[in-house]
Protein backbone atom coordinates (compact mmCIF):
# COMPACT_ATOMS: atom_id res chain seq x y z
CA MET A 1 119.68 77.19 79.47
CA ILE A 2 119.70 75.64 82.88
CA PHE A 3 121.27 77.28 85.95
CA ASP A 4 121.96 75.39 89.00
CA ASP A 5 122.55 79.47 90.42
CA THR A 6 119.50 81.51 91.10
CA GLU A 7 122.01 84.51 90.86
CA ALA A 8 122.60 83.56 87.18
CA PHE A 9 118.97 82.63 86.64
CA LEU A 10 117.57 85.80 87.57
CA ALA A 11 120.01 87.80 85.76
CA ALA A 12 118.48 85.62 82.69
CA LEU A 13 114.87 86.14 83.27
CA PRO A 14 113.32 88.63 80.56
CA PRO A 15 112.15 92.15 82.35
CA GLN A 16 108.53 92.09 83.79
CA GLN A 17 107.87 88.93 82.80
CA ALA A 18 106.67 86.16 85.48
CA ILE A 19 107.82 82.52 85.89
CA ALA A 20 106.65 79.21 86.81
CA GLY A 21 107.49 76.41 89.41
CA LEU A 22 107.12 73.19 89.10
CA ASP A 23 106.56 70.34 91.69
CA LEU A 24 107.30 67.38 89.53
CA GLY A 25 106.00 64.08 90.75
CA THR A 26 105.83 60.43 89.09
CA VAL A 27 101.69 60.72 88.58
CA THR A 28 101.65 64.54 88.35
CA ILE A 29 102.90 68.05 87.86
CA GLY A 30 102.06 70.98 89.81
CA VAL A 31 102.52 74.26 88.86
CA ALA A 32 102.55 77.61 90.11
CA VAL A 33 103.05 80.98 88.82
CA SER A 34 104.63 84.28 90.09
CA ASP A 35 103.79 88.26 89.26
CA THR A 36 105.45 90.28 87.43
CA PHE A 37 107.17 91.80 89.79
CA LEU A 38 108.72 87.97 91.14
CA SER A 39 107.15 88.73 94.35
CA VAL A 40 104.35 86.09 95.12
CA ALA A 41 103.82 82.73 94.23
CA THR A 42 100.24 81.71 93.02
CA PRO A 43 99.21 77.98 92.87
CA LEU A 44 97.77 77.14 89.41
CA GLU A 45 97.04 74.08 88.66
CA THR A 46 98.19 69.82 88.28
CA ILE A 47 98.87 68.53 84.94
CA ARG A 48 98.06 64.69 85.16
CA ARG A 49 101.20 63.57 83.56
CA ARG A 50 101.26 60.76 81.13
CA LYS A 51 104.04 60.83 78.17
CA PHE A 52 106.83 63.30 78.16
CA THR A 53 105.64 65.28 74.75
CA GLU A 54 102.10 65.14 76.32
CA ASP A 55 102.90 66.89 79.45
CA ALA A 56 105.43 69.16 77.63
CA ALA A 57 102.87 70.35 75.34
CA ALA A 58 99.93 70.65 78.17
CA LEU A 59 102.94 72.33 80.50
CA ARG A 60 103.55 74.96 77.32
CA MET A 61 100.15 76.14 76.49
CA VAL A 62 100.13 76.75 80.10
CA LEU A 63 103.39 78.87 79.88
CA ASP A 64 102.30 80.49 76.61
CA ASN A 65 99.03 81.44 77.87
CA ARG A 66 100.25 83.27 81.22
CA ARG A 67 103.19 84.76 79.10
CA ILE A 68 106.01 82.86 81.60
CA GLY A 69 109.46 83.69 81.16
CA GLY A 70 111.79 81.09 83.30
CA LEU A 71 111.11 77.77 84.90
CA VAL A 72 112.01 77.05 88.33
CA LEU A 73 111.58 73.14 88.91
CA GLY A 74 111.63 71.82 92.67
CA LEU A 75 114.76 69.77 93.37
CA PRO A 76 113.72 66.89 95.75
CA ARG A 77 117.07 66.30 97.30
CA ASN A 78 117.21 63.89 100.39
CA MET A 79 117.24 64.98 103.99
CA ASP A 80 121.24 64.87 104.28
CA GLY A 81 121.25 67.20 101.08
CA SER A 82 122.62 64.59 98.37
CA GLU A 83 120.87 63.91 95.40
CA GLY A 84 119.12 60.09 94.84
CA PRO A 85 117.13 59.13 91.64
CA ARG A 86 114.45 61.63 92.10
CA CYS A 87 116.65 64.54 91.31
CA GLN A 88 118.00 62.55 88.51
CA SER A 89 114.80 62.20 87.44
CA THR A 90 114.35 65.93 87.58
CA ARG A 91 117.49 67.29 86.36
CA ALA A 92 116.18 64.75 83.07
CA PHE A 93 113.16 65.98 82.99
CA ALA A 94 114.90 69.24 82.93
CA ARG A 95 117.37 68.73 79.90
CA ASN A 96 114.46 67.26 77.89
CA ILE A 97 112.10 70.21 78.41
CA GLU A 98 115.10 72.65 77.31
CA ARG A 99 114.76 70.54 74.12
CA PHE A 100 111.32 70.57 73.74
CA ASP A 101 110.02 72.79 70.99
CA GLY A 102 109.45 75.95 72.17
CA PHE A 103 111.05 76.04 75.79
CA ASP A 104 113.34 78.85 74.78
CA MET A 105 113.50 80.20 78.68
CA PRO A 106 115.79 79.99 81.99
CA LEU A 107 115.30 76.81 84.22
CA THR A 108 116.67 76.56 87.81
CA PHE A 109 115.96 74.13 90.60
CA TRP A 110 115.28 74.74 94.07
CA ASP A 111 116.05 72.51 96.94
CA GLU A 112 111.81 71.03 97.28
CA ARG A 113 112.83 69.24 100.90
CA LEU A 114 109.47 69.66 102.59
CA SER A 115 107.86 71.76 100.36
CA THR A 116 104.65 69.06 100.05
CA VAL A 117 104.91 68.76 104.05
CA ALA A 118 104.43 72.00 104.49
CA ALA A 119 102.06 72.66 101.39
CA GLU A 120 99.87 69.58 103.74
CA ARG A 121 99.98 71.57 106.81
CA ALA A 122 98.51 74.84 105.47
CA LEU A 123 96.01 72.93 103.66
CA LEU A 124 94.72 71.25 106.82
CA GLU A 125 95.03 74.41 108.82
CA ALA A 126 92.57 76.03 106.47
CA ASP A 127 90.19 73.09 107.27
CA THR A 128 90.29 71.53 103.78
CA SER A 129 88.66 68.30 102.82
CA ARG A 130 90.74 65.07 102.12
CA LYS A 131 89.28 65.12 98.69
CA ARG A 132 90.38 68.91 98.18
CA ARG A 133 93.71 68.44 99.53
CA ALA A 134 94.37 65.41 97.03
CA GLU A 135 92.82 67.81 94.05
CA VAL A 136 95.42 70.70 94.71
CA ILE A 137 98.51 69.37 97.36
CA ASP A 138 101.01 69.79 93.99
CA HIS A 139 100.13 72.88 93.23
CA VAL A 140 100.50 74.44 96.58
CA ALA A 141 103.70 72.37 96.82
CA ALA A 142 104.54 73.91 93.88
CA ALA A 143 103.92 77.60 95.20
CA TYR A 144 106.11 76.83 98.03
CA ILE A 145 109.03 75.68 95.77
CA LEU A 146 108.38 79.16 93.57
CA GLN A 147 108.18 81.20 96.62
CA GLY A 148 111.05 80.30 98.52
CA ALA A 149 112.91 80.62 94.86
CA LEU A 150 111.20 84.53 94.81
CA ASP A 151 112.40 85.25 98.25
CA ARG A 152 115.99 84.09 97.28
CA MET A 153 115.55 86.46 94.59
CA ALA A 154 114.49 89.73 96.23
CA VAL A 155 117.30 89.30 98.33
CA LEU A 156 119.82 88.91 95.71
CA ARG A 157 118.17 92.01 94.03
CA ARG A 158 118.11 93.89 97.60
CA ASN A 159 121.77 93.40 97.78
CA LYS A 160 122.54 94.13 94.32
CA ASP A 161 120.89 97.61 94.79
CA ARG A 162 122.94 98.23 97.80
CA ALA A 163 125.92 97.45 95.74
């Protein structure tokens, strides 16, 4: 089920399962995973894109091996907040993945503006070589996307506990 609202997504997640964040590119899919407490995102791997069915099968294998309970897809909004063709492509990917056999988990979107810039900056600060940056940038960006969603979910849980 696809949720545009983070709070509804959080409520739909199975207990004590990690979630995954995706940075969807035209050539690769960066994948990051959380811990089961939904507090920390960790870059995992980059899947080289081919055809949708192959991409979905590769992604499903990663998610099954990690017992993932939900997906956060980076939504590449324009700087003014509007949605362009890349957002439409991401939403189409979500609809297709939802129909793909074995993907019966909640999905949501997270604004990914500047996630790749932040990932690049962090890798530069860590003195990562150009070659290594090219290898890891997508799943590091996925971790930035996922961490943003995790931080928002932590605020939602705290507010719920106070109420």
